[in-house]
Amino acid sequence: ESGYTVDLARTGADGLHMAMEQNYDLVVLDVMLPGTDGWQVM
């Protein structure tokens, strides 16, 4: 609603894969994630 294109990942592993494979301008990252946590993703 603020004008951005947004994708949502529910796990660290999925988020990392999406960040590596697609072109994003910014990532909003939670730390406490199941499996691969935010520290590992970062």
Full PDB file with SEQRES, HELIX, SHEET, SSBOND, CRYST1, ORIGX, SCALE, CONECT and MASTER records, all heavy atoms in Angstrom:
SEQRES   1 A   42  GLU SER GLY TYR THR VAL ASP LEU ALA ARG THR GLY ALA          
SEQRES   2 A   42  ASP GLY LEU HIS MET ALA MET GLU GLN ASN TYR ASP LEU          
SEQRES   3 A   42  VAL VAL LEU ASP VAL MET LEU PRO GLY THR ASP GLY TRP          
SEQRES   4 A   42  GLN VAL MET                                                  
HELIX    1 AA1 GLY A   12  GLU A   21  1                                  10    
HELIX    2 AA2 GLY A   38  VAL A   41  1                                   4    
CRYST1    1.000    1.000    1.000  90.00  90.00  90.00 P 1           1          
ORIGX1      1.000000  0.000000  0.000000        0.00000                         
ORIGX2      0.000000  1.000000  0.000000        0.00000                         
ORIGX3      0.000000  0.000000  1.000000        0.00000                         
SCALE1      1.000000  0.000000  0.000000        0.00000                         
SCALE2      0.000000  1.000000  0.000000        0.00000                         
SCALE3      0.000000  0.000000  1.000000        0.00000                         
ATOM      1  N   GLU A   1       0.820  -1.204   0.000  1.00  0.00           N  
ATOM      2  CA  GLU A   1       0.000   0.000   0.000  1.00  0.00           C  
ATOM      3  C   GLU A   1       0.861   1.264   0.000  1.00  0.00           C  
ATOM      4  O   GLU A   1       0.390   2.339  -0.392  1.00  0.00           O  
ATOM      5  CB  GLU A   1      -0.933  -0.003   1.217  1.00  0.00           C  
ATOM      6  CG  GLU A   1      -2.032  -1.048   1.129  1.00  0.00           C  
ATOM      7  CD  GLU A   1      -2.889  -1.109   2.383  1.00  0.00           C  
ATOM      8  OE1 GLU A   1      -2.501  -0.475   3.396  1.00  0.00           O  
ATOM      9  OE2 GLU A   1      -3.943  -1.784   2.363  1.00  0.00           O  
ATOM     10  N   SER A   2       2.120   1.116   0.438  1.00  0.00           N  
ATOM     11  CA  SER A   2       3.057   2.246   0.439  1.00  0.00           C  
ATOM     12  C   SER A   2       3.769   2.391  -0.902  1.00  0.00           C  
ATOM     13  O   SER A   2       4.632   3.262  -1.063  1.00  0.00           O  
ATOM     14  CB  SER A   2       4.089   2.071   1.555  1.00  0.00           C  
ATOM     15  OG  SER A   2       3.461   2.050   2.829  1.00  0.00           O  
ATOM     16  N   GLY A   3       3.434   1.513  -1.856  1.00  0.00           N  
ATOM     17  CA  GLY A   3       3.961   1.670  -3.204  1.00  0.00           C  
ATOM     18  C   GLY A   3       5.095   0.739  -3.585  1.00  0.00           C  
ATOM     19  O   GLY A   3       5.698   0.906  -4.655  1.00  0.00           O  
ATOM     20  N   TYR A   4       5.402  -0.253  -2.738  1.00  0.00           N  
ATOM     21  CA  TYR A   4       6.504  -1.168  -3.036  1.00  0.00           C  
ATOM     22  C   TYR A   4       5.989  -2.498  -3.573  1.00  0.00           C  
ATOM     23  O   TYR A   4       4.880  -2.938  -3.253  1.00  0.00           O  
ATOM     24  CB  TYR A   4       7.335  -1.430  -1.766  1.00  0.00           C  
ATOM     25  CG  TYR A   4       7.972  -0.190  -1.198  1.00  0.00           C  
ATOM     26  CD1 TYR A   4       7.434   0.420  -0.057  1.00  0.00           C  
ATOM     27  CD2 TYR A   4       9.090   0.379  -1.771  1.00  0.00           C  
ATOM     28  CE1 TYR A   4       8.010   1.565   0.480  1.00  0.00           C  
ATOM     29  CE2 TYR A   4       9.671   1.524  -1.250  1.00  0.00           C  
ATOM     30  CZ  TYR A   4       9.129   2.113  -0.124  1.00  0.00           C  
ATOM     31  OH  TYR A   4       9.693   3.245   0.392  1.00  0.00           O  
ATOM     32  N   THR A   5       6.829  -3.146  -4.369  1.00  0.00           N  
ATOM     33  CA  THR A   5       6.591  -4.526  -4.755  1.00  0.00           C  
ATOM     34  C   THR A   5       7.152  -5.398  -3.646  1.00  0.00           C  
ATOM     35  O   THR A   5       8.321  -5.227  -3.260  1.00  0.00           O  
ATOM     36  CB  THR A   5       7.293  -4.861  -6.080  1.00  0.00           C  
ATOM     37  OG1 THR A   5       6.767  -4.015  -7.114  1.00  0.00           O  
ATOM     38  CG2 THR A   5       7.082  -6.314  -6.467  1.00  0.00           C  
ATOM     39  N   VAL A   6       6.363  -6.317  -3.117  1.00  0.00           N  
ATOM     40  CA  VAL A   6       6.774  -7.063  -1.920  1.00  0.00           C  
ATOM     41  C   VAL A   6       6.614  -8.565  -2.118  1.00  0.00           C  
ATOM     42  O   VAL A   6       5.563  -9.030  -2.566  1.00  0.00           O  
ATOM     43  CB  VAL A   6       5.966  -6.630  -0.677  1.00  0.00           C  
ATOM     44  CG1 VAL A   6       6.476  -7.352   0.574  1.00  0.00           C  
ATOM     45  CG2 VAL A   6       6.033  -5.121  -0.489  1.00  0.00           C  
ATOM     46  N   ASP A   7       7.668  -9.313  -1.778  1.00  0.00           N  
ATOM     47  CA  ASP A   7       7.600 -10.771  -1.683  1.00  0.00           C  
ATOM     48  C   ASP A   7       7.787 -11.156  -0.225  1.00  0.00           C  
ATOM     49  O   ASP A   7       8.509 -10.476   0.520  1.00  0.00           O  
ATOM     50  CB  ASP A   7       8.684 -11.437  -2.532  1.00  0.00           C  
ATOM     51  CG  ASP A   7       8.384 -11.345  -4.019  1.00  0.00           C  
ATOM     52  OD1 ASP A   7       7.200 -11.222  -4.371  1.00  0.00           O  
ATOM     53  OD2 ASP A   7       9.338 -11.389  -4.821  1.00  0.00           O  
ATOM     54  N   LEU A   8       7.153 -12.246   0.182  1.00  0.00           N  
ATOM     55  CA  LEU A   8       7.213 -12.692   1.575  1.00  0.00           C  
ATOM     56  C   LEU A   8       7.733 -14.122   1.653  1.00  0.00           C  
ATOM     57  O   LEU A   8       7.210 -15.014   0.977  1.00  0.00           O  
ATOM     58  CB  LEU A   8       5.823 -12.603   2.210  1.00  0.00           C  
ATOM     59  CG  LEU A   8       5.659 -13.155   3.636  1.00  0.00           C  
ATOM     60  CD1 LEU A   8       6.546 -12.405   4.617  1.00  0.00           C  
ATOM     61  CD2 LEU A   8       4.186 -13.080   4.050  1.00  0.00           C  
ATOM     62  N   ALA A   9       8.761 -14.331   2.477  1.00  0.00           N  
ATOM     63  CA  ALA A   9       9.286 -15.675   2.743  1.00  0.00           C  
ATOM     64  C   ALA A   9       9.013 -15.999   4.203  1.00  0.00           C  
ATOM     65  O   ALA A   9       9.206 -15.148   5.081  1.00  0.00           O  
ATOM     66  CB  ALA A   9      10.780 -15.739   2.451  1.00  0.00           C  
ATOM     67  N   ARG A  10       8.602 -17.240   4.474  1.00  0.00           N  
ATOM     68  CA  ARG A  10       8.230 -17.634   5.832  1.00  0.00           C  
ATOM     69  C   ARG A  10       9.376 -18.303   6.586  1.00  0.00           C  
ATOM     70  O   ARG A  10       9.284 -18.488   7.797  1.00  0.00           O  
ATOM     71  CB  ARG A  10       7.047 -18.601   5.785  1.00  0.00           C  
ATOM     72  CG  ARG A  10       5.805 -18.055   5.083  1.00  0.00           C  
ATOM     73  CD  ARG A  10       5.095 -16.996   5.893  1.00  0.00           C  
ATOM     74  NE  ARG A  10       3.803 -16.643   5.291  1.00  0.00           N  
ATOM     75  CZ  ARG A  10       2.990 -15.709   5.772  1.00  0.00           C  
ATOM     76  NH1 ARG A  10       3.329 -15.035   6.852  1.00  0.00           N  
ATOM     77  NH2 ARG A  10       1.838 -15.441   5.155  1.00  0.00           N  
ATOM     78  N   THR A  11      10.434 -18.706   5.884  1.00  0.00           N  
ATOM     79  CA  THR A  11      11.582 -19.347   6.529  1.00  0.00           C  
ATOM     80  C   THR A  11      12.869 -18.689   6.066  1.00  0.00           C  
ATOM     81  O   THR A  11      12.919 -18.064   4.992  1.00  0.00           O  
ATOM     82  CB  THR A  11      11.658 -20.855   6.206  1.00  0.00           C  
ATOM     83  OG1 THR A  11      11.986 -21.022   4.811  1.00  0.00           O  
ATOM     84  CG2 THR A  11      10.335 -21.546   6.519  1.00  0.00           C  
ATOM     85  N   GLY A  12      13.930 -18.869   6.862  1.00  0.00           N  
ATOM     86  CA  GLY A  12      15.216 -18.305   6.492  1.00  0.00           C  
ATOM     87  C   GLY A  12      15.766 -18.911   5.219  1.00  0.00           C  
ATOM     88  O   GLY A  12      16.332 -18.209   4.371  1.00  0.00           O  
ATOM     89  N   ALA A  13      15.609 -20.224   5.072  1.00  0.00           N  
ATOM     90  CA  ALA A  13      16.132 -20.910   3.886  1.00  0.00           C  
ATOM     91  C   ALA A  13      15.445 -20.409   2.618  1.00  0.00           C  
ATOM     92  O   ALA A  13      16.106 -20.132   1.603  1.00  0.00           O  
ATOM     93  CB  ALA A  13      15.947 -22.421   4.037  1.00  0.00           C  
ATOM     94  N   ASP A  14      14.117 -20.271   2.676  1.00  0.00           N  
ATOM     95  CA  ASP A  14      13.386 -19.772   1.512  1.00  0.00           C  
ATOM     96  C   ASP A  14      13.765 -18.316   1.217  1.00  0.00           C  
ATOM     97  O   ASP A  14      13.949 -17.931   0.049  1.00  0.00           O  
ATOM     98  CB  ASP A  14      11.874 -19.852   1.753  1.00  0.00           C  
ATOM     99  CG  ASP A  14      11.353 -21.276   1.705  1.00  0.00           C  
ATOM    100  OD1 ASP A  14      12.075 -22.156   1.191  1.00  0.00           O  
ATOM    101  OD2 ASP A  14      10.231 -21.515   2.197  1.00  0.00           O  
ATOM    102  N   GLY A  15      13.893 -17.521   2.270  1.00  0.00           N  
ATOM    103  CA  GLY A  15      14.248 -16.122   2.083  1.00  0.00           C  
ATOM    104  C   GLY A  15      15.628 -15.956   1.482  1.00  0.00           C  
ATOM    105  O   GLY A  15      15.839 -15.125   0.584  1.00  0.00           O  
ATOM    106  N   LEU A  16      16.581 -16.749   1.961  1.00  0.00           N  
ATOM    107  CA  LEU A  16      17.941 -16.660   1.429  1.00  0.00           C  
ATOM    108  C   LEU A  16      17.966 -17.049  -0.043  1.00  0.00           C  
ATOM    109  O   LEU A  16      18.623 -16.392  -0.861  1.00  0.00           O  
ATOM    110  CB  LEU A  16      18.866 -17.569   2.238  1.00  0.00           C  
ATOM    111  CG  LEU A  16      20.332 -17.607   1.803  1.00  0.00           C  
ATOM    112  CD1 LEU A  16      20.954 -16.217   1.849  1.00  0.00           C  
ATOM    113  CD2 LEU A  16      21.124 -18.570   2.687  1.00  0.00           C  
ATOM    114  N   HIS A  17      17.242 -18.110  -0.375  1.00  0.00           N  
ATOM    115  CA  HIS A  17      17.186 -18.549  -1.775  1.00  0.00           C  
ATOM    116  C   HIS A  17      16.594 -17.452  -2.660  1.00  0.00           C  
ATOM    117  O   HIS A  17      17.126 -17.157  -3.748  1.00  0.00           O  
ATOM    118  CB  HIS A  17      16.346 -19.815  -1.886  1.00  0.00           C  
ATOM    119  CG  HIS A  17      16.154 -20.296  -3.302  1.00  0.00           C  
ATOM    120  ND1 HIS A  17      17.149 -20.930  -4.019  1.00  0.00           N  
ATOM    121  CD2 HIS A  17      15.078 -20.212  -4.136  1.00  0.00           C  
ATOM    122  CE1 HIS A  17      16.704 -21.212  -5.230  1.00  0.00           C  
ATOM    123  NE2 HIS A  17      15.458 -20.791  -5.325  1.00  0.00           N  
ATOM    124  N   MET A  18      15.509 -16.840  -2.205  1.00  0.00           N  
ATOM    125  CA  MET A  18      14.873 -15.779  -2.989  1.00  0.00           C  
ATOM    126  C   MET A  18      15.791 -14.578  -3.137  1.00  0.00           C  
ATOM    127  O   MET A  18      15.884 -13.968  -4.209  1.00  0.00           O  
ATOM    128  CB  MET A  18      13.557 -15.374  -2.329  1.00  0.00           C  
ATOM    129  CG  MET A  18      12.498 -16.467  -2.374  1.00  0.00           C  
ATOM    130  SD  MET A  18      11.059 -16.130  -1.303  1.00  0.00           S  
ATOM    131  CE  MET A  18      10.330 -14.719  -2.154  1.00  0.00           C  
ATOM    132  N   ALA A  19      16.504 -14.218  -2.059  1.00  0.00           N  
ATOM    133  CA  ALA A  19      17.407 -13.066  -2.100  1.00  0.00           C  
ATOM    134  C   ALA A  19      18.570 -13.290  -3.046  1.00  0.00           C  
ATOM    135  O   ALA A  19      19.073 -12.346  -3.671  1.00  0.00           O  
ATOM    136  CB  ALA A  19      17.927 -12.764  -0.693  1.00  0.00           C  
ATOM    137  N   MET A  20      19.007 -14.536  -3.160  1.00  0.00           N  
ATOM    138  CA  MET A  20      20.129 -14.863  -4.040  1.00  0.00           C  
ATOM    139  C   MET A  20      19.696 -14.939  -5.510  1.00  0.00           C  
ATOM    140  O   MET A  20      20.463 -14.619  -6.418  1.00  0.00           O  
ATOM    141  CB  MET A  20      20.743 -16.206  -3.623  1.00  0.00           C  
ATOM    142  CG  MET A  20      21.422 -16.195  -2.276  1.00  0.00           C  
ATOM    143  SD  MET A  20      22.885 -15.132  -2.255  1.00  0.00           S  
ATOM    144  CE  MET A  20      23.616 -15.651  -0.675  1.00  0.00           C  
ATOM    145  N   GLU A  21      18.464 -15.392  -5.736  1.00  0.00           N  
ATOM    146  CA  GLU A  21      18.024 -15.651  -7.102  1.00  0.00           C  
ATOM    147  C   GLU A  21      17.317 -14.473  -7.762  1.00  0.00           C  
ATOM    148  O   GLU A  21      17.254 -14.399  -8.988  1.00  0.00           O  
ATOM    149  CB  GLU A  21      17.085 -16.874  -7.110  1.00  0.00           C  
ATOM    150  CG  GLU A  21      17.749 -18.178  -6.683  1.00  0.00           C  
ATOM    151  CD  GLU A  21      18.862 -18.589  -7.620  1.00  0.00           C  
ATOM    152  OE1 GLU A  21      18.706 -18.402  -8.848  1.00  0.00           O  
ATOM    153  OE2 GLU A  21      19.897 -19.095  -7.127  1.00  0.00           O  
ATOM    154  N   GLN A  22      16.784 -13.551  -6.962  1.00  0.00           N  
ATOM    155  CA  GLN A  22      16.021 -12.444  -7.535  1.00  0.00           C  
ATOM    156  C   GLN A  22      16.655 -11.105  -7.153  1.00  0.00           C  
ATOM    157  O   GLN A  22      17.472 -11.028  -6.227  1.00  0.00           O  
ATOM    158  CB  GLN A  22      14.570 -12.508  -7.040  1.00  0.00           C  
ATOM    159  CG  GLN A  22      13.871 -13.818  -7.413  1.00  0.00           C  
ATOM    160  CD  GLN A  22      12.444 -13.875  -6.933  1.00  0.00           C  
ATOM    161  OE1 GLN A  22      11.674 -12.929  -7.154  1.00  0.00           O  
ATOM    162  NE2 GLN A  22      12.064 -14.966  -6.277  1.00  0.00           N  
ATOM    163  N   ASN A  23      16.259 -10.070  -7.856  1.00  0.00           N  
ATOM    164  CA  ASN A  23      16.822  -8.738  -7.627  1.00  0.00           C  
ATOM    165  C   ASN A  23      15.895  -7.910  -6.736  1.00  0.00           C  
ATOM    166  O   ASN A  23      14.829  -7.470  -7.187  1.00  0.00           O  
ATOM    167  CB  ASN A  23      17.047  -8.016  -8.961  1.00  0.00           C  
ATOM    168  CG  ASN A  23      18.132  -8.664  -9.786  1.00  0.00           C  
ATOM    169  OD1 ASN A  23      19.152  -9.092  -9.262  1.00  0.00           O  
ATOM    170  ND2 ASN A  23      17.917  -8.742 -11.097  1.00  0.00           N  
ATOM    171  N   TYR A  24      16.311  -7.726  -5.502  1.00  0.00           N  
ATOM    172  CA  TYR A  24      15.557  -6.893  -4.562  1.00  0.00           C  
ATOM    173  C   TYR A  24      16.356  -5.640  -4.242  1.00  0.00           C  
ATOM    174  O   TYR A  24      17.595  -5.633  -4.297  1.00  0.00           O  
ATOM    175  CB  TYR A  24      15.269  -7.664  -3.277  1.00  0.00           C  
ATOM    176  CG  TYR A  24      14.334  -8.835  -3.469  1.00  0.00           C  
ATOM    177  CD1 TYR A  24      14.814 -10.138  -3.514  1.00  0.00           C  
ATOM    178  CD2 TYR A  24      12.965  -8.634  -3.612  1.00  0.00           C  
ATOM    179  CE1 TYR A  24      13.960 -11.215  -3.704  1.00  0.00           C  
ATOM    180  CE2 TYR A  24      12.097  -9.705  -3.797  1.00  0.00           C  
ATOM    181  CZ  TYR A  24      12.606 -10.998  -3.845  1.00  0.00           C  
ATOM    182  OH  TYR A  24      11.758 -12.053  -4.033  1.00  0.00           O  
ATOM    183  N   ASP A  25      15.627  -4.589  -3.899  1.00  0.00           N  
ATOM    184  CA  ASP A  25      16.284  -3.338  -3.521  1.00  0.00           C  
ATOM    185  C   ASP A  25      16.559  -3.272  -2.026  1.00  0.00           C  
ATOM    186  O   ASP A  25      17.405  -2.489  -1.586  1.00  0.00           O  
ATOM    187  CB  ASP A  25      15.411  -2.150  -3.934  1.00  0.00           C  
ATOM    188  CG  ASP A  25      15.228  -2.082  -5.446  1.00  0.00           C  
ATOM    189  OD1 ASP A  25      16.209  -1.764  -6.138  1.00  0.00           O  
ATOM    190  OD2 ASP A  25      14.116  -2.369  -5.922  1.00  0.00           O  
ATOM    191  N   LEU A  26      15.847  -4.098  -1.238  1.00  0.00           N  
ATOM    192  CA  LEU A  26      16.008  -4.074   0.215  1.00  0.00           C  
ATOM    193  C   LEU A  26      15.390  -5.345   0.805  1.00  0.00           C  
ATOM    194  O   LEU A  26      14.439  -5.890   0.257  1.00  0.00           O  
ATOM    195  CB  LEU A  26      15.348  -2.826   0.803  1.00  0.00           C  
ATOM    196  CG  LEU A  26      15.466  -2.586   2.305  1.00  0.00           C  
ATOM    197  CD1 LEU A  26      15.705  -1.091   2.597  1.00  0.00           C  
ATOM    198  CD2 LEU A  26      14.183  -3.036   3.017  1.00  0.00           C  
ATOM    199  N   VAL A  27      15.942  -5.780   1.937  1.00  0.00           N  
ATOM    200  CA  VAL A  27      15.420  -6.946   2.650  1.00  0.00           C  
ATOM    201  C   VAL A  27      15.058  -6.544   4.076  1.00  0.00           C  
ATOM    202  O   VAL A  27      15.838  -5.869   4.755  1.00  0.00           O  
ATOM    203  CB  VAL A  27      16.455  -8.092   2.700  1.00  0.00           C  
ATOM    204  CG1 VAL A  27      15.934  -9.257   3.552  1.00  0.00           C  
ATOM    205  CG2 VAL A  27      16.778  -8.582   1.292  1.00  0.00           C  
ATOM    206  N   VAL A  28      13.861  -6.939   4.509  1.00  0.00           N  
ATOM    207  CA  VAL A  28      13.454  -6.801   5.906  1.00  0.00           C  
ATOM    208  C   VAL A  28      13.544  -8.196   6.510  1.00  0.00           C  
ATOM    209  O   VAL A  28      12.844  -9.109   6.075  1.00  0.00           O  
ATOM    210  CB  VAL A  28      12.021  -6.248   6.034  1.00  0.00           C  
ATOM    211  CG1 VAL A  28      11.605  -6.199   7.504  1.00  0.00           C  
ATOM    212  CG2 VAL A  28      11.924  -4.860   5.404  1.00  0.00           C  
ATOM    213  N   LEU A  29      14.419  -8.372   7.491  1.00  0.00           N  
ATOM    214  CA  LEU A  29      14.802  -9.701   7.964  1.00  0.00           C  
ATOM    215  C   LEU A  29      14.542  -9.881   9.460  1.00  0.00           C  
ATOM    216  O   LEU A  29      15.070  -9.128  10.284  1.00  0.00           O  
ATOM    217  CB  LEU A  29      16.286  -9.938   7.659  1.00  0.00           C  
ATOM    218  CG  LEU A  29      16.941 -11.214   8.159  1.00  0.00           C  
ATOM    219  CD1 LEU A  29      16.292 -12.444   7.544  1.00  0.00           C  
ATOM    220  CD2 LEU A  29      18.445 -11.189   7.852  1.00  0.00           C  
ATOM    221  N   ASP A  30      13.761 -10.900   9.806  1.00  0.00           N  
ATOM    222  CA  ASP A  30      13.553 -11.254  11.208  1.00  0.00           C  
ATOM    223  C   ASP A  30      14.727 -12.115  11.675  1.00  0.00           C  
ATOM    224  O   ASP A  30      15.330 -12.837  10.872  1.00  0.00           O  
ATOM    225  CB  ASP A  30      12.233 -12.015  11.362  1.00  0.00           C  
ATOM    226  CG  ASP A  30      11.884 -12.280  12.818  1.00  0.00           C  
ATOM    227  OD1 ASP A  30      12.381 -11.543  13.693  1.00  0.00           O  
ATOM    228  OD2 ASP A  30      11.124 -13.223  13.080  1.00  0.00           O  
ATOM    229  N   VAL A  31      15.057 -12.044  12.953  1.00  0.00           N  
ATOM    230  CA  VAL A  31      16.159 -12.850  13.488  1.00  0.00           C  
ATOM    231  C   VAL A  31      15.690 -14.244  13.867  1.00  0.00           C  
ATOM    232  O   VAL A  31      16.310 -15.247  13.500  1.00  0.00           O  
ATOM    233  CB  VAL A  31      16.795 -12.157  14.723  1.00  0.00           C  
ATOM    234  CG1 VAL A  31      17.793 -13.098  15.390  1.00  0.00           C  
ATOM    235  CG2 VAL A  31      17.496 -10.877  14.299  1.00  0.00           C  
ATOM    236  N   MET A  32      14.595 -14.340  14.603  1.00  0.00           N  
ATOM    237  CA  MET A  32      14.120 -15.629  15.106  1.00  0.00           C  
ATOM    238  C   MET A  32      13.303 -16.343  14.035  1.00  0.00           C  
ATOM    239  O   MET A  32      12.086 -16.195  13.955  1.00  0.00           O  
ATOM    240  CB  MET A  32      13.294 -15.415  16.370  1.00  0.00           C  
ATOM    241  CG  MET A  32      14.049 -14.698  17.478  1.00  0.00           C  
ATOM    242  SD  MET A  32      15.540 -15.590  17.991  1.00  0.00           S  
ATOM    243  CE  MET A  32      14.797 -17.008  18.800  1.00  0.00           C  
ATOM    244  N   LEU A  33      13.999 -17.105  13.217  1.00  0.00           N  
ATOM    245  CA  LEU A  33      13.369 -17.842  12.139  1.00  0.00           C  
ATOM    246  C   LEU A  33      13.578 -19.343  12.341  1.00  0.00           C  
ATOM    247  O   LEU A  33      14.594 -19.752  12.903  1.00  0.00           O  
ATOM    248  CB  LEU A  33      13.959 -17.436  10.779  1.00  0.00           C  
ATOM    249  CG  LEU A  33      13.734 -15.992  10.324  1.00  0.00           C  
ATOM    250  CD1 LEU A  33      14.622 -15.672   9.142  1.00  0.00           C  
ATOM    251  CD2 LEU A  33      12.272 -15.766   9.978  1.00  0.00           C  
ATOM    252  N   PRO A  34      12.642 -20.168  11.893  1.00  0.00           N  
ATOM    253  CA  PRO A  34      12.825 -21.618  12.025  1.00  0.00           C  
ATOM    254  C   PRO A  34      13.933 -22.127  11.106  1.00  0.00           C  
ATOM    255  O   PRO A  34      14.083 -21.647   9.984  1.00  0.00           O  
ATOM    256  CB  PRO A  34      11.452 -22.179  11.594  1.00  0.00           C  
ATOM    257  CG  PRO A  34      10.883 -21.126  10.699  1.00  0.00           C  
ATOM    258  CD  PRO A  34      11.365 -19.823  11.255  1.00  0.00           C  
ATOM    259  N   GLY A  35      14.717 -23.091  11.588  1.00  0.00           N  
ATOM    260  CA  GLY A  35      15.800 -23.642  10.763  1.00  0.00           C  
ATOM    261  C   GLY A  35      16.934 -22.649  10.634  1.00  0.00           C  
ATOM    262  O   GLY A  35      17.641 -22.352  11.606  1.00  0.00           O  
ATOM    263  N   THR A  36      17.108 -22.096   9.466  1.00  0.00           N  
ATOM    264  CA  THR A  36      18.139 -21.085   9.224  1.00  0.00           C  
ATOM    265  C   THR A  36      17.684 -19.761   9.808  1.00  0.00           C  
ATOM    266  O   THR A  36      16.703 -19.170   9.338  1.00  0.00           O  
ATOM    267  CB  THR A  36      18.389 -20.932   7.712  1.00  0.00           C  
ATOM    268  OG1 THR A  36      18.719 -22.203   7.140  1.00  0.00           O  
ATOM    269  CG2 THR A  36      19.537 -19.962   7.453  1.00  0.00           C  
ATOM    270  N   ASP A  37      18.383 -19.281  10.861  1.00  0.00           N  
ATOM    271  CA  ASP A  37      17.923 -18.049  11.516  1.00  0.00           C  
ATOM    272  C   ASP A  37      18.436 -16.804  10.799  1.00  0.00           C  
ATOM    273  O   ASP A  37      19.186 -16.883   9.818  1.00  0.00           O  
ATOM    274  CB  ASP A  37      18.311 -18.038  12.996  1.00  0.00           C  
ATOM    275  CG  ASP A  37      19.819 -18.017  13.221  1.00  0.00           C  
ATOM    276  OD1 ASP A  37      20.562 -17.597  12.315  1.00  0.00           O  
ATOM    277  OD2 ASP A  37      20.256 -18.430  14.314  1.00  0.00           O  
ATOM    278  N   GLY A  38      18.016 -15.653  11.302  1.00  0.00           N  
ATOM    279  CA  GLY A  38      18.381 -14.396  10.667  1.00  0.00           C  
ATOM    280  C   GLY A  38      19.868 -14.121  10.639  1.00  0.00           C  
ATOM    281  O   GLY A  38      20.390 -13.533   9.691  1.00  0.00           O  
ATOM    282  N   TRP A  39      20.577 -14.532  11.698  1.00  0.00           N  
ATOM    283  CA  TRP A  39      22.036 -14.350  11.727  1.00  0.00           C  
ATOM    284  C   TRP A  39      22.679 -15.086  10.550  1.00  0.00           C  
ATOM    285  O   TRP A  39      23.561 -14.557   9.863  1.00  0.00           O  
ATOM    286  CB  TRP A  39      22.628 -14.877  13.027  1.00  0.00           C  
ATOM    287  CG  TRP A  39      22.051 -14.362  14.304  1.00  0.00           C  
ATOM    288  CD1 TRP A  39      21.577 -15.113  15.343  1.00  0.00           C  
ATOM    289  CD2 TRP A  39      21.899 -12.990  14.736  1.00  0.00           C  
ATOM    290  NE1 TRP A  39      21.135 -14.311  16.364  1.00  0.00           N  
ATOM    291  CE2 TRP A  39      21.322 -13.002  16.022  1.00  0.00           C  
ATOM    292  CE3 TRP A  39      22.185 -11.764  14.132  1.00  0.00           C  
ATOM    293  CZ2 TRP A  39      21.039 -11.844  16.726  1.00  0.00           C  
ATOM    294  CZ3 TRP A  39      21.899 -10.598  14.825  1.00  0.00           C  
ATOM    295  CH2 TRP A  39      21.325 -10.642  16.103  1.00  0.00           C  
ATOM    296  N   GLN A  40      22.258 -16.342  10.354  1.00  0.00           N  
ATOM    297  CA  GLN A  40      22.824 -17.163   9.283  1.00  0.00           C  
ATOM    298  C   GLN A  40      22.456 -16.625   7.909  1.00  0.00           C  
ATOM    299  O   GLN A  40      23.282 -16.623   6.993  1.00  0.00           O  
ATOM    300  CB  GLN A  40      22.346 -18.610   9.439  1.00  0.00           C  
ATOM    301  CG  GLN A  40      22.855 -19.288  10.702  1.00  0.00           C  
ATOM    302  CD  GLN A  40      22.158 -20.610  10.977  1.00  0.00           C  
ATOM    303  OE1 GLN A  40      20.938 -20.698  10.973  1.00  0.00           O  
ATOM    304  NE2 GLN A  40      22.936 -21.652  11.216  1.00  0.00           N  
ATOM    305  N   VAL A  41      21.226 -16.156   7.773  1.00  0.00           N  
ATOM    306  CA  VAL A  41      20.808 -15.557   6.505  1.00  0.00           C  
ATOM    307  C   VAL A  41      21.644 -14.325   6.205  1.00  0.00           C  
ATOM    308  O   VAL A  41      22.142 -14.139   5.095  1.00  0.00           O  
ATOM    309  CB  VAL A  41      19.310 -15.177   6.546  1.00  0.00           C  
ATOM    310  CG1 VAL A  41      18.926 -14.378   5.302  1.00  0.00           C  
ATOM    311  CG2 VAL A  41      18.450 -16.423   6.645  1.00  0.00           C  
ATOM    312  N   MET A  42      21.843 -13.476   7.214  1.00  0.00           N  
ATOM    313  CA  MET A  42      22.613 -12.250   7.030  1.00  0.00           C  
ATOM    314  C   MET A  42      24.048 -12.556   6.621  1.00  0.00           C  
ATOM    315  O   MET A  42      24.604 -11.945   5.700  1.00  0.00           O  
ATOM    316  CB  MET A  42      22.611 -11.459   8.348  1.00  0.00           C  
ATOM    317  CG  MET A  42      23.298 -10.100   8.288  1.00  0.00           C  
ATOM    318  SD  MET A  42      22.326  -8.844   7.445  1.00  0.00           S  
ATOM    319  CE  MET A  42      23.250  -8.685   5.925  1.00  0.00           C  
TER     320      MET A  42                                                      
MASTER        0    0    0    2    0    0    0    6  319    1    0    4          
END                                                                             
